[in-house]
């Protein structure tokens, strides 16, 4: 069943309600994953326990984004959609919350004491330069003065913005090149990109033992992040072209349970002759995620309760993803200061942080994002 959501201001087509809901589920799981990332970071551990494969939510977002963009725009190019209009629509849809993430990022950085993780004080001029670069999506070079947190992030004021950086690249490539491909040619491109990403993951090219790459601006991360975006993004577009719904009941709950189960699988040891963890990741990205997208697009809500849940999750999904990490920085700093490394020791604080992020995301949506997008749409997307 198709319904209008908060995302509709920039895109006139209705959205698949179950896919919106699944995007929200993935966003909630990302926040939970980052909680456990904090324990590993504070304790100096290389292994994240709990929702171990939560970083795969980004790959799920990419395939979902490709599907939705293909569905929303493919048939418009031959009518009245221009490249300028497409880019305006995508900027209106995404960038207001990107700006909010930067604002929250600089506020929390100042609350934290304006110091890098090693305690080095950061000059106000470097903070301002970091803000300026983040607003215009100019990634920070590791070790540069405006890479203010000192751990190599592309966007040190709001780490998860790296995935939006690659999302923007995907949108540009779609408008310039990918949309022009026939379905057959697009299928060939998907196969080639899938083979490249599989080799990257199973051969452990990054040396991380996983495909959690793209967050920093070094060679392997940029190349890996680009491949990590391009395969699911084009796969999603390919699915949107060949999609035919099937009859399925309880699709939302089935898909949500599968996401939770996959993200909770422990890290798989073994790198000879191939990385077992990389093989599992590719099974998720190449096989399971496309199936979940197909099931989610095929299913429909059967009652008002489920419809409200999906709408709420879809509405807060992007705001939650893009604003939660500045508060995670504060949480990480608190863990380091108190030398606390487990959920059992900190569950009360975690509960407050988690619920607080959801509430702040909802307030940002209703008080800032939706009004701003309404105004921008009215001003810059007026119908001729």
Foldseek 3Di string as FASTA:
>chain_A
DWDAFLLCLLFVDTDQLLLLLVLLLLLLLLLVQLVQVLLCVLVVHLAGAFLRQSLCSLLLVLLSQLQVCLQRPLVCVVPDDDPVSLVLSVCLSAQLLLLVQLVLLLVLCVVLPCAAPVRHHADPVLCVVLSVCSSVVNFDAQPDSNCRNRPAFRRNSFQVCLSVSLVVVVSVCCNPPVSPDDLVVLVVVLVVLLVVLLCCLFQVVVVSLGLSARGHPDDSRVVSSNSSNVNSSSNSSSCNVVADADDDPPLSVVLSVVSSVLSNDGRDDDCVVTRPNSVSSSCCSVPVSSVSSNSSSRDDDDDPVVSVSSSLSSLLSSLLNSRLVSVSVVVSSVCNVVVPNDCVVCVVVSVCSSVVSSVVSVCCSPVPSSVSSNVSCVVPVDDD
